[in-house]
Amino acid sequence: MATTLGVPETGPQTGPQTGPQTGPPASSAPRSGRWIEHWTPEDPAFWASTGRRVARRNLIWSILAEHIGFSVWLLWSIVVVQLGSAGWHLSVGQSLWLTAIPSGVGAFLRLPYTFAVPLFGGRNWTIVSALLLLIPCTGLAWAVGHPEIGYTNLALIAATAGFGGGNFASSMANISFFYPEREKGWALGLNAAGGNLGVAVVQFAVPKVIVLGGGLALSRAGLVYVPLAVAAAVCAFLFMDNLVEAKADVKPVWTSMRHADTWIMSFLYIGTFGSFIGYSAAFPTLLKAVFNRPDIALSYGFLGALVGSVARPLGGRLSDRFGGARITVASFGLLILGAWAALYSVQQKSFGLFFASFLALFVATGIGNGSTYRMISTIFRVKGLDAGGDDATMLRMRREAAGALGVISSIGAFGGFVVPIAYAWSKDHYGTIQPALRFYIGFFVVSLIVTFVAYVRKGSRMARAGV
């Protein structure tokens, strides 16, 4: 059943309404199984009377589902540290590959997950994507106790954790429709931060869960998320909504790829989110492999993902005030300094500086994650204004912006695959991670220059618009 918010309901609605929407705000919230047909968050009266409440409710349950998805996505980042105790004897390279494969699969799935929102509806797909998490959870629980299956089968099972990585794209694309432009940075920052925190939670909680009652039970790492995934699906079913505005067609996703800005922002997002998810996946293993500190990896490895997640909404808030491009330039500057400090710490064999420099890197990636996402919606708003600014054009651009969010998040997430692989290659070929760190410094320098030239350079259209 469809529900029109902000207009009186005169009977069952069977499709999107056309023509002007008039009438007082409706007092009732949408019903179970519903589609919301009338959604105008840019209208201050609608937003104050109805929109904010409904948007906040959808945001809360979207955060929960995305949080569980991120946790499952990064399960192997902490499980791999303990595989030796469960009878698996892996090299550093093999361990890092196990953390990289779910990141690569998750990145690949983000594009079809973005298409799923306009095809099935944001609420409906949240239910399905939460239930899909049962596959990697039960697979991990079985595989870790059977070393006889071999490394290849273990890697294939680890790959299914990528389902959790796909959730982000559909969640962000969906929530982007609920909020007005002026609050989008903060809302998307909160939504993403809630998901990102799943990385910190899984790296903090799993080492404790697997040793409950004495001994080591790695299977619990997967089993503990089975009821949580079911709970996320049930809550989405009960409390979330589908927007007719979001359920248009998949054309806006394809159309968004025609814009050069989509590809520029994809490149920049590799440097921000790709670094965040890649460092999160690799950090516990690096603490063990580079400094032989598995105790620190299991007890404090979660701090990197934690500070990076907390910093993400800050990046969105700062971008709302100062402009996303300026904050992104600052975040890449911090990433350059952090990577240089990490390189120096490895050369000097200083564990304390290594740990601190990685925490700084995580903070910078979190701020950059928030600022780059804020840039995307602003860029497409400017494009809409330049194309005429009428209601139909602005709606089309909002849909293309949502499609671009999925494309950009997919490409950017491949950084989460590249980072652990780069460390594995560097360690295997040179016996140190220094070459990988030098590459990251160069990459961040290029990213800073690209951001400045495209969006901050004085006189450019996007700089004048305050992107």
Protein backbone atom coordinates (compact mmCIF):
# COMPACT_ATOMS: atom_id res chain seq x y z
CA MET A 1 0.00 0.00 0.00
CA ALA A 2 1.24 3.47 -0.81
CA THR A 3 1.03 6.44 1.51
CA THR A 4 1.14 10.11 0.66
CA LEU A 5 2.77 12.25 3.31
CA GLY A 6 1.99 15.92 3.40
CA VAL A 7 -1.28 15.55 1.41
CA PRO A 8 -4.69 14.15 2.35
CA GLU A 9 -5.34 10.57 1.41
CA THR A 10 -8.51 10.14 -0.61
CA GLY A 11 -8.26 6.45 -1.25
CA PRO A 12 -5.91 3.68 -2.24
CA GLN A 13 -2.96 4.87 -4.31
CA THR A 14 -1.68 2.68 -7.08
CA GLY A 15 1.16 4.68 -8.55
CA PRO A 16 3.13 7.87 -8.34
CA GLN A 17 0.93 10.95 -8.30
CA THR A 18 1.21 13.58 -10.95
CA GLY A 19 0.16 17.17 -10.82
CA PRO A 20 0.34 19.61 -7.92
CA GLN A 21 0.24 18.35 -4.35
CA THR A 22 -1.93 20.42 -2.05
CA GLY A 23 -3.52 20.08 1.33
CA PRO A 24 -2.50 19.99 4.95
CA PRO A 25 0.14 17.61 6.24
CA ALA A 26 -1.12 14.14 6.99
CA SER A 27 -1.02 13.20 10.62
CA SER A 28 -0.45 9.50 10.27
CA ALA A 29 2.85 7.80 9.55
CA PRO A 30 3.13 5.36 6.65
CA ARG A 31 1.89 1.85 7.30
CA SER A 32 3.62 -1.50 7.20
CA GLY A 33 4.39 -2.63 3.66
CA ARG A 34 4.13 0.96 2.51
CA TRP A 35 5.49 3.16 -0.21
CA ILE A 36 5.64 6.91 0.39
CA GLU A 37 4.52 8.73 -2.74
CA HIS A 38 4.76 12.38 -1.74
CA TRP A 39 8.20 13.30 -0.40
CA THR A 40 9.42 16.91 -0.54
CA PRO A 41 12.16 17.38 2.07
CA GLU A 42 13.19 20.75 0.59
CA ASP A 43 9.77 22.15 1.59
CA PRO A 44 10.31 23.64 5.10
CA ALA A 45 6.67 23.09 6.16
CA PHE A 46 6.64 19.46 5.05
CA TRP A 47 10.03 18.82 6.65
CA ALA A 48 9.01 20.32 10.00
CA SER A 49 5.62 18.64 10.20
CA THR A 50 6.35 15.19 8.82
CA GLY A 51 9.57 14.75 6.90
CA ARG A 52 12.13 15.05 9.69
CA ARG A 53 10.40 12.46 11.87
CA VAL A 54 10.07 9.88 9.09
CA ALA A 55 13.57 10.50 7.78
CA ARG A 56 15.07 10.11 11.25
CA ARG A 57 13.26 6.81 11.79
CA ASN A 58 14.54 5.42 8.49
CA LEU A 59 18.04 6.67 9.24
CA ILE A 60 18.14 4.94 12.63
CA TRP A 61 17.23 1.51 11.27
CA SER A 62 19.38 1.97 8.20
CA ILE A 63 22.33 2.60 10.51
CA LEU A 64 21.61 -0.61 12.42
CA ALA A 65 21.47 -2.75 9.29
CA GLU A 66 24.56 -1.15 7.80
CA HIS A 67 26.41 -1.54 11.11
CA ILE A 68 25.80 -5.29 11.13
CA GLY A 69 26.82 -5.46 7.46
CA PHE A 70 30.14 -3.73 8.09
CA SER A 71 30.83 -5.99 11.06
CA VAL A 72 30.34 -9.11 8.98
CA TRP A 73 32.40 -7.60 6.14
CA LEU A 74 35.43 -7.19 8.42
CA LEU A 75 35.03 -10.39 10.47
CA TRP A 76 38.05 -11.96 8.84
CA SER A 77 40.31 -9.02 9.70
CA ILE A 78 40.35 -10.16 13.33
CA VAL A 79 39.67 -13.89 12.88
CA VAL A 80 42.78 -14.28 10.73
CA VAL A 81 44.99 -13.24 13.66
CA GLN A 82 43.83 -16.35 15.57
CA LEU A 83 43.70 -18.90 12.76
CA GLY A 84 47.06 -20.37 13.79
CA SER A 85 45.55 -21.40 17.12
CA ALA A 86 42.76 -23.20 15.25
CA GLY A 87 45.13 -25.35 13.20
CA TRP A 88 45.60 -23.09 10.20
CA HIS A 89 49.23 -22.27 9.38
CA LEU A 90 49.30 -19.33 7.00
CA SER A 91 52.01 -16.97 5.79
CA VAL A 92 51.72 -13.22 6.27
CA GLY A 93 50.81 -12.90 2.59
CA GLN A 94 48.06 -15.52 2.84
CA SER A 95 46.65 -13.82 5.94
CA LEU A 96 46.55 -10.44 4.23
CA TRP A 97 44.86 -11.97 1.18
CA LEU A 98 42.13 -13.34 3.46
CA THR A 99 41.46 -9.80 4.68
CA ALA A 100 41.60 -8.38 1.15
CA ILE A 101 39.24 -10.78 -0.64
CA PRO A 102 36.07 -9.77 1.28
CA SER A 103 36.93 -6.12 0.59
CA GLY A 104 37.22 -6.79 -3.14
CA VAL A 105 33.96 -8.72 -3.29
CA GLY A 106 32.18 -6.06 -1.24
CA ALA A 107 33.45 -3.37 -3.58
CA PHE A 108 32.21 -5.30 -6.62
CA LEU A 109 28.76 -5.85 -5.05
CA ARG A 110 28.23 -2.18 -4.29
CA LEU A 111 27.19 -1.41 -7.85
CA PRO A 112 24.41 -4.02 -8.10
CA TYR A 113 23.36 -3.13 -4.55
CA THR A 114 22.92 0.46 -5.73
CA PHE A 115 20.70 -0.75 -8.58
CA ALA A 116 18.65 -2.70 -6.03
CA VAL A 117 17.26 0.45 -4.40
CA PRO A 118 15.40 1.76 -7.48
CA LEU A 119 14.43 -1.78 -8.48
CA PHE A 120 13.03 -3.04 -5.18
CA GLY A 121 12.82 -0.07 -2.80
CA GLY A 122 15.18 0.92 0.00
CA ARG A 123 13.27 -0.77 2.80
CA ASN A 124 12.71 -3.98 0.86
CA TRP A 125 16.35 -4.29 -0.11
CA THR A 126 17.49 -3.60 3.44
CA ILE A 127 15.53 -6.67 4.53
CA VAL A 128 17.03 -8.87 1.82
CA SER A 129 20.60 -7.63 2.27
CA ALA A 130 20.43 -8.23 6.03
CA LEU A 131 19.28 -11.82 5.54
CA LEU A 132 22.08 -12.45 3.02
CA LEU A 133 24.54 -11.93 5.88
CA LEU A 134 23.55 -15.34 7.24
CA ILE A 135 25.64 -16.95 4.47
CA PRO A 136 29.07 -15.58 5.49
CA CYS A 137 28.29 -15.91 9.20
CA THR A 138 27.43 -19.60 9.08
CA GLY A 139 30.16 -20.28 6.51
CA LEU A 140 32.85 -18.80 8.75
CA ALA A 141 31.54 -20.67 11.79
CA TRP A 142 31.97 -23.98 9.95
CA ALA A 143 35.17 -23.32 8.00
CA VAL A 144 37.49 -22.19 10.80
CA GLY A 145 37.12 -25.55 12.51
CA HIS A 146 38.01 -27.59 9.41
CA PRO A 147 41.63 -26.94 8.34
CA GLU A 148 41.43 -29.98 6.08
CA ILE A 149 39.33 -28.03 3.51
CA GLY A 150 42.46 -26.13 2.41
CA TYR A 151 43.30 -22.51 1.85
CA THR A 152 41.43 -22.09 -1.45
CA ASN A 153 38.10 -23.15 0.04
CA LEU A 154 38.76 -20.99 3.08
CA ALA A 155 39.33 -17.99 0.80
CA LEU A 156 36.11 -18.70 -1.11
CA ILE A 157 34.13 -18.78 2.12
CA ALA A 158 35.82 -15.57 3.25
CA ALA A 159 34.73 -13.98 -0.03
CA THR A 160 31.06 -14.27 0.98
CA ALA A 161 31.71 -11.72 3.73
CA GLY A 162 31.64 -9.23 0.85
CA PHE A 163 27.83 -9.27 1.14
CA GLY A 164 28.30 -7.01 4.15
CA GLY A 165 30.30 -4.53 2.09
CA GLY A 166 27.58 -4.15 -0.50
CA ASN A 167 25.10 -2.92 2.12
CA PHE A 168 26.79 0.46 2.32
CA ALA A 169 26.01 1.52 -1.25
CA SER A 170 22.30 0.70 -1.09
CA SER A 171 21.95 2.26 2.35
CA MET A 172 23.63 5.53 1.38
CA ALA A 173 21.73 5.79 -1.91
CA ASN A 174 18.45 5.23 -0.08
CA ILE A 175 19.06 7.70 2.77
CA SER A 176 20.22 10.38 0.35
CA PHE A 177 16.60 10.70 -0.85
CA PHE A 178 15.16 11.25 2.63
CA TYR A 179 17.07 14.39 3.64
CA PRO A 180 17.09 17.97 2.31
CA GLU A 181 20.29 19.27 0.75
CA ARG A 182 21.13 21.44 3.75
CA GLU A 183 21.23 18.41 6.11
CA LYS A 184 22.54 15.76 3.76
CA GLY A 185 26.17 15.98 4.86
CA TRP A 186 25.32 15.33 8.49
CA ALA A 187 22.75 12.60 7.74
CA LEU A 188 24.97 10.70 5.31
CA GLY A 189 27.87 11.13 7.71
CA LEU A 190 25.88 9.58 10.55
CA ASN A 191 24.64 6.75 8.34
CA ALA A 192 28.14 5.96 7.15
CA ALA A 193 29.69 6.36 10.59
CA GLY A 194 27.21 3.92 12.08
CA GLY A 195 28.27 1.41 9.47
CA ASN A 196 31.97 2.16 9.83
CA LEU A 197 31.68 1.63 13.59
CA GLY A 198 30.82 -1.98 12.82
CA VAL A 199 34.49 -2.44 11.95
CA ALA A 200 35.59 -1.20 15.36
CA VAL A 201 32.92 -3.21 17.16
CA VAL A 202 33.80 -6.48 15.46
CA GLN A 203 37.52 -5.97 16.11
CA PHE A 204 36.81 -5.13 19.75
CA ALA A 205 34.14 -7.73 20.54
CA VAL A 206 35.14 -10.84 18.60
CA PRO A 207 38.46 -11.43 20.45
CA LYS A 208 36.44 -11.50 23.66
CA VAL A 209 33.56 -13.57 22.35
CA ILE A 210 35.76 -16.37 21.02
CA VAL A 211 37.39 -16.97 24.43
CA LEU A 212 34.26 -16.84 26.58
CA GLY A 213 34.28 -19.64 29.11
CA GLY A 214 37.94 -20.47 28.48
CA GLY A 215 39.58 -22.03 25.45
CA LEU A 216 39.26 -20.78 21.91
CA ALA A 217 36.08 -21.11 19.82
CA LEU A 218 36.57 -19.21 16.56
CA SER A 219 33.19 -20.43 15.28
CA ARG A 220 31.50 -18.00 17.66
CA ALA A 221 32.87 -15.11 15.58
CA GLY A 222 30.33 -15.98 12.90
CA LEU A 223 27.53 -17.41 15.04
CA VAL A 224 27.21 -14.29 17.20
CA TYR A 225 26.14 -12.28 14.14
CA VAL A 226 23.41 -14.69 13.01
CA PRO A 227 20.71 -13.38 15.39
CA LEU A 228 21.90 -9.81 14.85
CA ALA A 229 21.44 -10.11 11.08
CA VAL A 230 17.93 -11.50 11.60
CA ALA A 231 17.13 -8.65 14.02
CA ALA A 232 18.29 -6.07 11.45
CA ALA A 233 15.98 -7.59 8.82
CA VAL A 234 13.00 -7.65 11.19
CA CYS A 235 13.53 -4.02 12.25
CA ALA A 236 13.77 -2.91 8.63
CA PHE A 237 10.51 -4.74 7.88
CA LEU A 238 8.71 -3.10 10.79
CA PHE A 239 10.07 0.44 10.81
CA MET A 240 11.47 1.49 7.42
CA ASP A 241 9.80 2.92 4.30
CA ASN A 242 10.20 2.82 0.53
CA LEU A 243 10.16 6.10 -1.41
CA VAL A 244 8.44 6.21 -4.80
CA GLU A 245 10.87 9.00 -5.71
CA ALA A 246 13.76 6.58 -5.21
CA LYS A 247 12.00 3.77 -7.08
CA ALA A 248 12.28 5.28 -10.51
CA ASP A 249 14.46 3.10 -12.71
CA VAL A 250 18.11 2.18 -13.06
CA LYS A 251 18.74 4.74 -15.80
CA PRO A 252 20.00 7.46 -13.39
CA VAL A 253 22.78 5.13 -12.26
CA TRP A 254 24.01 4.71 -15.82
CA THR A 255 23.51 8.39 -16.57
CA SER A 256 25.61 9.39 -13.57
CA MET A 257 28.56 7.63 -15.19
CA ARG A 258 28.56 10.14 -18.05
CA HIS A 259 29.70 12.89 -15.72
CA ALA A 260 33.46 13.35 -15.38
CA ASP A 261 32.89 14.31 -11.75
CA THR A 262 31.64 10.80 -10.99
CA TRP A 263 35.02 9.38 -12.00
CA ILE A 264 37.03 12.13 -10.31
CA MET A 265 35.16 11.54 -7.05
CA SER A 266 35.63 7.77 -7.45
CA PHE A 267 39.38 8.33 -7.58
CA LEU A 268 39.28 10.56 -4.49
CA TYR A 269 37.12 8.06 -2.62
CA ILE A 270 39.74 5.39 -3.18
CA GLY A 271 42.06 7.61 -1.17
CA THR A 272 39.59 8.21 1.66
CA PHE A 273 37.25 5.26 2.12
CA GLY A 274 39.49 2.80 0.31
CA SER A 275 42.25 3.69 2.74
CA PHE A 276 39.89 3.40 5.72
CA ILE A 277 38.58 -0.05 4.90
CA GLY A 278 41.99 -1.28 3.69
CA TYR A 279 43.80 -0.09 6.80
CA SER A 280 41.02 -1.51 8.98
CA ALA A 281 41.37 -4.91 7.34
CA ALA A 282 45.17 -4.93 7.48
CA PHE A 283 45.94 -3.13 10.76
CA PRO A 284 45.61 -6.10 13.17
CA THR A 285 47.71 -8.30 10.86
CA LEU A 286 50.35 -5.58 10.46
CA LEU A 287 50.64 -5.18 14.22
CA LYS A 288 51.38 -8.89 14.44
CA ALA A 289 53.57 -9.19 11.33
CA VAL A 290 55.65 -5.99 11.51
CA PHE A 291 56.17 -5.70 15.27
CA ASN A 292 55.15 -9.20 16.45
CA ARG A 293 52.47 -7.81 18.76
CA PRO A 294 49.44 -10.11 18.43
CA ASP A 295 48.42 -9.07 21.94
CA ILE A 296 48.08 -5.45 20.83
CA ALA A 297 46.36 -6.53 17.61
CA LEU A 298 43.64 -8.38 19.50
CA SER A 299 43.23 -5.88 22.34
CA TYR A 300 43.72 -2.50 20.65
CA GLY A 301 43.57 -3.06 16.89
CA PHE A 302 39.97 -1.82 16.90
CA LEU A 303 41.01 1.72 17.89
CA GLY A 304 41.94 2.64 14.33
CA ALA A 305 38.52 1.83 12.92
CA LEU A 306 36.88 3.46 15.95
CA VAL A 307 38.53 6.87 15.57
CA GLY A 308 38.04 6.74 11.80
CA SER A 309 34.33 6.03 12.20
CA VAL A 310 33.81 8.77 14.78
CA ALA A 311 35.61 11.26 12.54
CA ARG A 312 33.32 10.59 9.56
CA PRO A 313 30.28 12.64 10.68
CA LEU A 314 32.71 15.36 11.75
CA GLY A 315 33.91 15.49 8.16
CA GLY A 316 30.31 15.84 7.01
CA ARG A 317 29.56 18.58 9.55
CA LEU A 318 32.69 20.55 8.69
CA SER A 319 31.83 20.21 5.01
CA ASP A 320 28.32 21.57 5.58
CA ARG A 321 29.96 24.66 7.05
CA PHE A 322 33.18 25.16 5.06
CA GLY A 323 32.64 23.17 1.87
CA GLY A 324 33.48 19.54 1.20
CA ALA A 325 36.33 20.22 -1.21
CA ARG A 326 38.32 22.31 1.27
CA ILE A 327 37.92 19.67 3.97
CA THR A 328 38.92 16.94 1.52
CA VAL A 329 42.12 18.82 0.67
CA ALA A 330 42.88 19.08 4.39
CA SER A 331 42.21 15.36 4.90
CA PHE A 332 44.66 14.41 2.14
CA GLY A 333 47.23 16.69 3.74
CA LEU A 334 46.79 14.79 7.01
CA LEU A 335 47.01 11.47 5.15
CA ILE A 336 50.35 12.50 3.64
CA LEU A 337 51.72 13.39 7.08
CA GLY A 338 50.36 10.21 8.65
CA ALA A 339 51.80 7.93 5.96
CA TRP A 340 55.19 9.67 6.21
CA ALA A 341 55.17 9.21 10.00
CA ALA A 342 54.27 5.51 9.57
CA LEU A 343 57.16 5.08 7.13
CA TYR A 344 59.56 6.76 9.56
CA SER A 345 58.32 4.59 12.44
CA VAL A 346 59.05 1.39 10.48
CA GLN A 347 62.53 2.66 9.59
CA GLN A 348 63.21 3.50 13.25
CA LYS A 349 61.44 0.37 14.54
CA SER A 350 59.30 2.53 16.82
CA PHE A 351 56.13 0.69 17.71
CA GLY A 352 54.61 3.64 19.59
CA LEU A 353 55.03 6.01 16.64
CA PHE A 354 53.74 3.34 14.25
CA PHE A 355 50.56 2.90 16.29
CA ALA A 356 50.04 6.66 16.70
CA SER A 357 50.66 7.38 13.02
CA PHE A 358 48.06 4.82 11.99
CA LEU A 359 45.52 6.34 14.35
CA ALA A 360 46.20 9.70 12.66
CA LEU A 361 45.71 8.03 9.27
CA PHE A 362 42.37 6.64 10.42
CA VAL A 363 41.18 10.07 11.62
CA ALA A 364 42.14 11.60 8.28
CA THR A 365 40.32 8.90 6.31
CA GLY A 366 37.19 9.39 8.44
CA ILE A 367 37.12 13.14 7.84
CA GLY A 368 37.77 12.59 4.14
CA ASN A 369 34.99 10.01 3.91
CA GLY A 370 32.48 12.51 5.26
CA SER A 371 33.70 15.40 3.11
CA THR A 372 33.86 13.49 -0.19
CA TYR A 373 30.31 12.19 0.23
CA ARG A 374 29.11 15.70 0.98
CA MET A 375 30.79 16.90 -2.22
CA ILE A 376 28.86 14.45 -4.39
CA SER A 377 25.37 15.73 -3.58
CA THR A 378 26.54 19.35 -3.88
CA ILE A 379 28.19 18.74 -7.27
CA PHE A 380 24.98 17.30 -8.71
CA ARG A 381 22.89 20.09 -7.21
CA VAL A 382 25.11 22.62 -8.99
CA LYS A 383 24.75 20.65 -12.21
CA GLY A 384 20.97 20.75 -11.80
CA LEU A 385 20.97 24.50 -11.26
CA ASP A 386 23.18 25.01 -14.31
CA ALA A 387 20.79 22.88 -16.37
CA GLY A 388 17.82 25.12 -15.55
CA GLY A 389 16.99 24.42 -11.91
CA ASP A 390 13.33 23.46 -12.52
CA ASP A 391 11.72 20.79 -10.36
CA ALA A 392 12.02 18.02 -12.96
CA THR A 393 15.70 18.74 -13.55
CA MET A 394 16.52 18.87 -9.85
CA LEU A 395 14.70 15.56 -9.24
CA ARG A 396 16.64 13.98 -12.09
CA MET A 397 19.89 15.23 -10.61
CA ARG A 398 19.00 13.92 -7.15
CA ARG A 399 18.46 10.51 -8.72
CA GLU A 400 21.73 10.73 -10.61
CA ALA A 401 23.48 11.79 -7.41
CA ALA A 402 22.11 8.70 -5.67
CA GLY A 403 23.34 6.58 -8.57
CA ALA A 404 26.74 8.26 -8.43
CA LEU A 405 26.96 7.49 -4.72
CA GLY A 406 26.77 3.80 -5.53
CA VAL A 407 29.26 3.96 -8.39
CA ILE A 408 31.73 6.00 -6.34
CA SER A 409 31.37 3.83 -3.24
CA SER A 410 31.97 0.71 -5.35
CA ILE A 411 35.12 1.99 -7.03
CA GLY A 412 36.40 3.59 -3.84
CA ALA A 413 35.95 0.40 -1.87
CA PHE A 414 38.40 -1.39 -4.15
CA GLY A 415 41.03 0.51 -2.20
CA GLY A 416 40.14 -1.84 0.64
CA PHE A 417 41.26 -4.69 -1.59
CA VAL A 418 44.40 -2.99 -2.86
CA VAL A 419 45.77 -1.86 0.52
CA PRO A 420 46.21 -5.31 2.12
CA ILE A 421 47.49 -6.73 -1.18
CA ALA A 422 50.06 -3.94 -1.45
CA TYR A 423 51.26 -4.71 2.07
CA ALA A 424 51.40 -8.44 1.27
CA TRP A 425 53.38 -7.82 -1.93
CA SER A 426 55.74 -5.42 -0.18
CA LYS A 427 56.32 -7.82 2.73
CA ASP A 428 56.80 -10.88 0.51
CA HIS A 429 59.18 -9.20 -1.97
CA TYR A 430 61.12 -6.79 0.23
CA GLY A 431 60.62 -8.15 3.74
CA THR A 432 59.20 -4.78 4.83
CA ILE A 433 56.11 -2.64 4.24
CA GLN A 434 58.15 0.49 3.46
CA PRO A 435 57.62 0.36 -0.35
CA ALA A 436 53.86 0.20 0.19
CA LEU A 437 53.95 3.23 2.49
CA ARG A 438 55.99 5.20 -0.04
CA PHE A 439 53.37 4.41 -2.69
CA TYR A 440 50.59 5.67 -0.41
CA ILE A 441 52.39 8.96 0.17
CA GLY A 442 52.62 9.50 -3.57
CA PHE A 443 49.00 8.55 -4.10
CA PHE A 444 47.80 10.99 -1.45
CA VAL A 445 49.86 13.81 -2.97
CA VAL A 446 48.23 13.20 -6.37
CA SER A 447 44.77 13.06 -4.74
CA LEU A 448 45.32 16.38 -3.00
CA ILE A 449 46.36 18.02 -6.27
CA VAL A 450 43.36 16.60 -8.16
CA THR A 451 40.94 17.84 -5.47
CA PHE A 452 42.44 21.32 -5.50
CA VAL A 453 42.50 21.70 -9.28
CA ALA A 454 38.99 20.31 -9.86
CA TYR A 455 37.08 21.80 -6.94
CA VAL A 456 39.05 24.41 -4.96
CA ARG A 457 41.01 26.31 -7.61
CA LYS A 458 39.95 29.94 -7.60
CA GLY A 459 37.60 30.78 -10.45
CA SER A 460 36.36 27.25 -11.13
CA ARG A 461 32.58 26.73 -11.26
CA MET A 462 32.54 24.24 -8.41
CA ALA A 463 34.73 26.45 -6.21
CA ARG A 464 32.37 29.41 -6.76
CA ALA A 465 29.47 27.17 -5.74
CA GLY A 466 31.22 26.19 -2.53
CA VAL A 467 31.42 22.47 -3.30
